[in-house]
Amino acid sequence: MDMLHERIARKAYELYEQRGWQHGHDVENWLEAERLILAEMKAQIAKLTNTARRNKPSPERSSLKSI
């Protein structure tokens, strides 16, 4: 099982527990788990991208360093 599938499965089980172990909501739990995990991953990527952009020197700064 790949890591993404495993994370979604764990989250779906958490949702199942939160519902009080009610049967018949497996597809709902799975889809909600997918949505939550993918949103979390998207937020992490955005955070890393923003950090990388902030740490990248601007062209003006780079040229000043060589002077």
N, C-alpha and C. Protein backbone atom coordinates (compact mmCIF):
# COMPACT_ATOMS: atom_id res chain seq x y z
N MET A 1 0.85 -1.18 0.00
CA MET A 1 0.00 0.00 0.00
C MET A 1 0.90 1.24 0.00
N ASP A 2 0.63 2.18 -0.90
CA ASP A 2 1.47 3.37 -0.93
C ASP A 2 1.15 4.29 0.24
N MET A 3 2.03 5.24 0.50
CA MET A 3 1.91 6.10 1.68
C MET A 3 0.65 6.95 1.66
N LEU A 4 0.28 7.49 0.51
CA LEU A 4 -0.92 8.32 0.43
C LEU A 4 -2.16 7.49 0.76
N HIS A 5 -2.25 6.32 0.18
CA HIS A 5 -3.39 5.44 0.44
C HIS A 5 -3.47 5.09 1.92
N GLU A 6 -2.32 4.82 2.52
CA GLU A 6 -2.27 4.48 3.94
C GLU A 6 -2.73 5.66 4.81
N ARG A 7 -2.28 6.87 4.48
CA ARG A 7 -2.70 8.06 5.25
C ARG A 7 -4.20 8.28 5.15
N ILE A 8 -4.74 8.10 3.95
CA ILE A 8 -6.18 8.27 3.75
C ILE A 8 -6.94 7.21 4.54
N ALA A 9 -6.46 5.98 4.50
CA ALA A 9 -7.12 4.89 5.24
C ALA A 9 -7.14 5.17 6.73
N ARG A 10 -6.02 5.65 7.27
CA ARG A 10 -5.97 5.97 8.71
C ARG A 10 -6.95 7.09 9.05
N LYS A 11 -6.99 8.13 8.20
CA LYS A 11 -7.89 9.26 8.45
C LYS A 11 -9.35 8.81 8.33
N ALA A 12 -9.66 7.96 7.36
CA ALA A 12 -11.02 7.45 7.22
C ALA A 12 -11.42 6.66 8.46
N TYR A 13 -10.49 5.89 9.01
CA TYR A 13 -10.79 5.13 10.23
C TYR A 13 -11.02 6.09 11.40
N GLU A 14 -10.24 7.16 11.49
CA GLU A 14 -10.45 8.17 12.54
C GLU A 14 -11.86 8.77 12.42
N LEU A 15 -12.27 9.06 11.20
CA LEU A 15 -13.61 9.62 10.99
C LEU A 15 -14.68 8.60 11.39
N TYR A 16 -14.46 7.34 11.07
CA TYR A 16 -15.36 6.26 11.47
C TYR A 16 -15.49 6.21 12.99
N GLU A 17 -14.37 6.33 13.68
CA GLU A 17 -14.38 6.35 15.15
C GLU A 17 -15.15 7.56 15.67
N GLN A 18 -14.89 8.73 15.05
CA GLN A 18 -15.56 9.96 15.49
C GLN A 18 -17.07 9.88 15.31
N ARG A 19 -17.52 9.12 14.34
CA ARG A 19 -18.96 8.93 14.12
C ARG A 19 -19.56 7.92 15.08
N GLY A 20 -18.76 7.39 15.97
CA GLY A 20 -19.26 6.39 16.90
C GLY A 20 -19.38 5.01 16.28
N TRP A 21 -18.49 4.70 15.35
CA TRP A 21 -18.43 3.41 14.67
C TRP A 21 -19.74 3.07 13.94
N GLN A 22 -20.37 4.10 13.38
CA GLN A 22 -21.60 3.89 12.61
C GLN A 22 -21.26 3.27 11.26
N HIS A 23 -21.91 2.19 10.94
CA HIS A 23 -21.70 1.54 9.65
C HIS A 23 -22.49 2.26 8.56
N GLY A 24 -22.07 2.05 7.32
CA GLY A 24 -22.79 2.60 6.18
C GLY A 24 -22.28 3.95 5.71
N HIS A 25 -21.20 4.44 6.30
CA HIS A 25 -20.65 5.73 5.90
C HIS A 25 -19.22 5.58 5.37
N ASP A 26 -18.87 4.37 4.95
CA ASP A 26 -17.50 4.12 4.54
C ASP A 26 -17.06 4.99 3.36
N VAL A 27 -17.92 5.15 2.37
CA VAL A 27 -17.55 5.97 1.21
C VAL A 27 -17.44 7.44 1.62
N GLU A 28 -18.40 7.92 2.42
CA GLU A 28 -18.33 9.29 2.92
C GLU A 28 -17.04 9.52 3.70
N ASN A 29 -16.73 8.59 4.60
CA ASN A 29 -15.52 8.72 5.41
C ASN A 29 -14.28 8.74 4.53
N TRP A 30 -14.25 7.87 3.52
CA TRP A 30 -13.09 7.80 2.64
C TRP A 30 -12.93 9.11 1.85
N LEU A 31 -14.03 9.60 1.29
CA LEU A 31 -13.95 10.83 0.50
C LEU A 31 -13.57 12.03 1.36
N GLU A 32 -14.10 12.10 2.56
CA GLU A 32 -13.74 13.19 3.48
C GLU A 32 -12.28 13.08 3.88
N ALA A 33 -11.82 11.87 4.12
CA ALA A 33 -10.41 11.65 4.46
C ALA A 33 -9.50 12.08 3.31
N GLU A 34 -9.87 11.73 2.08
CA GLU A 34 -9.11 12.16 0.91
C GLU A 34 -9.03 13.67 0.85
N ARG A 35 -10.19 14.32 1.02
CA ARG A 35 -10.24 15.78 0.95
C ARG A 35 -9.33 16.40 2.00
N LEU A 36 -9.39 15.90 3.23
CA LEU A 36 -8.59 16.45 4.32
C LEU A 36 -7.09 16.24 4.10
N ILE A 37 -6.72 15.04 3.69
CA ILE A 37 -5.30 14.73 3.49
C ILE A 37 -4.74 15.53 2.31
N LEU A 38 -5.48 15.61 1.22
CA LEU A 38 -4.99 16.36 0.06
C LEU A 38 -4.92 17.85 0.35
N ALA A 39 -5.85 18.38 1.12
CA ALA A 39 -5.80 19.79 1.52
C ALA A 39 -4.58 20.05 2.41
N GLU A 40 -4.30 19.11 3.30
CA GLU A 40 -3.12 19.23 4.17
C GLU A 40 -1.84 19.23 3.34
N MET A 41 -1.77 18.33 2.36
CA MET A 41 -0.59 18.25 1.50
C MET A 41 -0.43 19.52 0.67
N LYS A 42 -1.54 20.04 0.16
CA LYS A 42 -1.51 21.27 -0.63
C LYS A 42 -0.99 22.43 0.22
N ALA A 43 -1.43 22.52 1.47
CA ALA A 43 -0.98 23.58 2.37
C ALA A 43 0.52 23.44 2.66
N GLN A 44 0.99 22.21 2.83
CA GLN A 44 2.41 21.99 3.08
C GLN A 44 3.25 22.41 1.87
N ILE A 45 2.77 22.09 0.68
CA ILE A 45 3.49 22.47 -0.54
C ILE A 45 3.53 23.98 -0.67
N ALA A 46 2.41 24.65 -0.41
CA ALA A 46 2.36 26.11 -0.49
C ALA A 46 3.33 26.73 0.50
N LYS A 47 3.39 26.18 1.70
CA LYS A 47 4.29 26.70 2.73
C LYS A 47 5.75 26.55 2.29
N LEU A 48 6.10 25.38 1.76
CA LEU A 48 7.46 25.15 1.29
C LEU A 48 7.81 26.06 0.12
N THR A 49 6.86 26.25 -0.78
CA THR A 49 7.08 27.12 -1.93
C THR A 49 7.31 28.55 -1.48
N ASN A 50 6.49 29.03 -0.55
CA ASN A 50 6.66 30.39 -0.05
C ASN A 50 7.99 30.56 0.67
N THR A 51 8.39 29.57 1.43
CA THR A 51 9.68 29.62 2.13
C THR A 51 10.82 29.68 1.12
N ALA A 52 10.74 28.87 0.08
CA ALA A 52 11.78 28.86 -0.95
C ALA A 52 11.85 30.20 -1.67
N ARG A 53 10.70 30.79 -1.94
CA ARG A 53 10.68 32.10 -2.60
C ARG A 53 11.31 33.18 -1.73
N ARG A 54 11.02 33.13 -0.42
CA ARG A 54 11.57 34.13 0.49
C ARG A 54 13.08 33.98 0.62
N ASN A 55 13.57 32.77 0.55
CA ASN A 55 15.00 32.52 0.72
C ASN A 55 15.81 32.70 -0.55
N LYS A 56 15.13 32.82 -1.68
CA LYS A 56 15.83 33.00 -2.95
C LYS A 56 16.24 34.46 -3.08
N PRO A 57 17.52 34.74 -3.30
CA PRO A 57 17.94 36.14 -3.42
C PRO A 57 17.39 36.77 -4.69
N SER A 58 17.03 38.03 -4.58
CA SER A 58 16.53 38.74 -5.76
C SER A 58 17.71 39.01 -6.69
N PRO A 59 17.46 39.23 -7.98
CA PRO A 59 18.57 39.51 -8.92
C PRO A 59 19.37 40.73 -8.50
N GLU A 60 18.70 41.75 -7.94
CA GLU A 60 19.41 42.95 -7.51
C GLU A 60 20.38 42.63 -6.38
N ARG A 61 19.93 41.84 -5.42
CA ARG A 61 20.79 41.47 -4.30
C ARG A 61 21.98 40.64 -4.78
N SER A 62 21.73 39.73 -5.71
CA SER A 62 22.79 38.88 -6.21
C SER A 62 23.87 39.70 -6.89
N SER A 63 23.48 40.68 -7.68
CA SER A 63 24.47 41.48 -8.40
C SER A 63 25.23 42.40 -7.44
N LEU A 64 24.59 42.84 -6.37
CA LEU A 64 25.27 43.68 -5.40
C LEU A 64 26.33 42.89 -4.63
N LYS A 65 26.08 41.63 -4.39
CA LYS A 65 27.03 40.81 -3.66
C LYS A 65 28.33 40.64 -4.44
N SER A 66 28.25 40.67 -5.76
CA SER A 66 29.44 40.45 -6.57
C SER A 66 30.28 41.71 -6.71
N ILE A 67 29.77 42.84 -6.26
CA ILE A 67 30.51 44.10 -6.40
C ILE A 67 31.56 44.22 -5.34
